[in-house]
């Protein structure tokens, strides 16, 4: 196993923990409204999509360690770019400074994932 795989896996863990920290802080700050996401009532389908998106970093921790280049590298790049665009699109919907800060940190992790994955392929 190459060192870059360990770094990439650690970056995915860091991204996942950043997302989790934002969720926990949203609950404790009172910014969370049960049954709503972005001011909109959430359906079961929306919860399923949210679960699938949030599962990406978790699955990538494992896949990064077991997949070989170039497949592992390209998968890291594609999914990190997807999450970058996804989070960038939602940045304005978060009014709290801590949320915007954590999203920017997450975007930086996405950039680092792309950088390391590119060097791996």
Protein backbone atom coordinates (compact mmCIF):
# COMPACT_ATOMS: atom_id res chain seq x y z
CA UNK A 1 0.00 0.00 0.00
CA UNK A 2 1.32 3.39 -0.97
CA UNK A 3 1.54 6.32 1.44
CA UNK A 4 -0.76 8.37 -0.78
CA UNK A 5 -3.58 5.87 -0.15
CA UNK A 6 -3.23 6.40 3.59
CA UNK A 7 -3.22 10.19 3.17
CA UNK A 8 -6.29 10.04 0.91
CA UNK A 9 -8.10 7.77 3.34
CA UNK A 10 -7.28 10.17 6.20
CA UNK A 11 -8.58 13.09 4.12
CA UNK A 12 -11.89 11.27 3.59
CA UNK A 13 -12.13 10.65 7.36
CA UNK A 14 -11.39 14.34 7.98
CA UNK A 15 -14.07 15.39 5.49
CA UNK A 16 -16.60 13.05 7.08
CA UNK A 17 -15.82 14.37 10.57
CA UNK A 18 -16.14 17.95 9.34
CA UNK A 19 -19.62 17.16 7.99
CA UNK A 20 -20.53 15.48 11.28
CA UNK A 21 -19.25 18.41 13.33
CA UNK A 22 -21.44 20.77 11.31
CA UNK A 23 -24.48 18.57 11.93
CA UNK A 24 -23.82 18.35 15.67
CA UNK A 25 -23.21 22.10 15.99
CA UNK A 26 -26.41 22.80 14.02
CA UNK A 27 -28.39 20.73 16.53
CA UNK A 28 -26.81 22.33 19.61
CA UNK A 29 -27.01 25.88 18.24
CA UNK A 30 -30.74 25.57 17.59
CA UNK A 31 -30.34 25.99 13.81
CA UNK A 32 -31.81 22.52 13.26
CA UNK A 33 -35.56 22.16 12.64
CA UNK A 34 -36.87 18.62 12.92
CA UNK A 35 -38.25 17.26 9.66
CA UNK A 36 -36.83 20.11 7.55
CA UNK A 37 -33.79 20.54 5.37
CA UNK A 38 -33.00 24.01 4.07
CA UNK A 39 -36.40 25.26 5.23
CA UNK A 40 -38.20 22.60 3.23
CA UNK A 41 -40.15 19.62 4.57
CA UNK A 42 -38.12 16.48 3.97
CA UNK A 43 -39.57 13.39 2.31
CA UNK A 44 -38.29 9.84 2.65
CA UNK A 45 -36.73 10.15 -0.79
CA UNK A 46 -34.80 13.26 0.27
CA UNK A 47 -33.54 11.46 3.39
CA UNK A 48 -32.41 8.57 1.18
CA UNK A 49 -30.48 10.93 -1.13
CA UNK A 50 -28.94 12.68 1.89
CA UNK A 51 -27.87 9.31 3.31
CA UNK A 52 -26.31 8.28 -0.02
CA UNK A 53 -24.39 11.55 -0.34
CA UNK A 54 -23.15 11.39 3.26
CA UNK A 55 -22.11 7.76 2.75
CA UNK A 56 -19.61 8.74 0.05
CA UNK A 57 -16.76 9.75 2.41
CA UNK A 58 -17.35 6.68 4.59
CA UNK A 59 -17.16 4.27 1.65
CA UNK A 60 -14.18 6.12 0.17
CA UNK A 61 -12.12 5.55 3.34
CA UNK A 62 -12.25 1.82 2.54
CA UNK A 63 -12.16 1.96 -1.26
CA UNK A 64 -9.12 4.23 -1.26
CA UNK A 65 -7.18 1.59 0.64
CA UNK A 66 -8.21 -1.38 -1.54
CA UNK A 67 -8.49 0.01 -5.08
CA UNK A 68 -5.40 0.33 -7.22
CA UNK A 69 -4.53 3.20 -9.52
CA UNK A 70 -5.80 4.42 -11.89
CA UNK A 71 -9.31 3.30 -10.83
CA UNK A 72 -8.86 4.37 -7.20
CA UNK A 73 -7.35 7.69 -8.20
CA UNK A 74 -10.08 8.57 -10.68
CA UNK A 75 -12.82 7.54 -8.26
CA UNK A 76 -11.31 9.82 -5.61
CA UNK A 77 -11.16 12.71 -8.08
CA UNK A 78 -14.69 12.25 -9.43
CA UNK A 79 -16.34 11.95 -6.02
CA UNK A 80 -14.32 14.79 -4.45
CA UNK A 81 -15.26 17.09 -7.35
CA UNK A 82 -18.91 16.02 -7.02
CA UNK A 83 -18.93 16.82 -3.28
CA UNK A 84 -17.10 20.11 -3.92
CA UNK A 85 -19.80 21.23 -6.38
CA UNK A 86 -22.60 19.87 -4.17
CA UNK A 87 -21.36 21.78 -1.10
CA UNK A 88 -20.48 24.91 -3.03
CA UNK A 89 -24.03 25.01 -4.41
CA UNK A 90 -25.46 24.82 -0.89
CA UNK A 91 -23.05 27.27 0.75
CA UNK A 92 -25.41 30.25 0.55
CA UNK A 93 -28.26 28.32 2.20
CA UNK A 94 -26.40 28.24 5.54
CA UNK A 95 -26.82 31.50 7.46
CA UNK A 96 -24.49 30.64 10.36
CA UNK A 97 -20.83 31.59 10.25
CA UNK A 98 -19.72 28.27 11.75
CA UNK A 99 -21.56 26.35 9.03
CA UNK A 100 -20.03 28.41 6.24
CA UNK A 101 -16.59 28.05 7.82
CA UNK A 102 -16.95 24.25 8.09
CA UNK A 103 -18.16 24.03 4.50
CA UNK A 104 -15.10 25.99 3.38
CA UNK A 105 -12.90 23.59 5.37
CA UNK A 106 -14.70 20.69 3.65
CA UNK A 107 -14.07 22.30 0.26
CA UNK A 108 -10.37 22.53 1.13
CA UNK A 109 -10.37 18.82 1.99
CA UNK A 110 -11.98 18.12 -1.40
CA UNK A 111 -9.24 20.09 -3.16
CA UNK A 112 -6.56 18.17 -1.24
CA UNK A 113 -8.20 14.86 -2.16
CA UNK A 114 -8.12 15.80 -5.85
CA UNK A 115 -4.50 16.94 -5.53
CA UNK A 116 -3.29 13.74 -3.87
CA UNK A 117 -5.39 11.49 -6.09
CA UNK A 118 -4.00 13.20 -9.20
CA UNK A 119 -0.47 12.50 -8.00
CA UNK A 120 -1.44 8.87 -7.40
CA UNK A 121 -2.69 8.11 -10.93
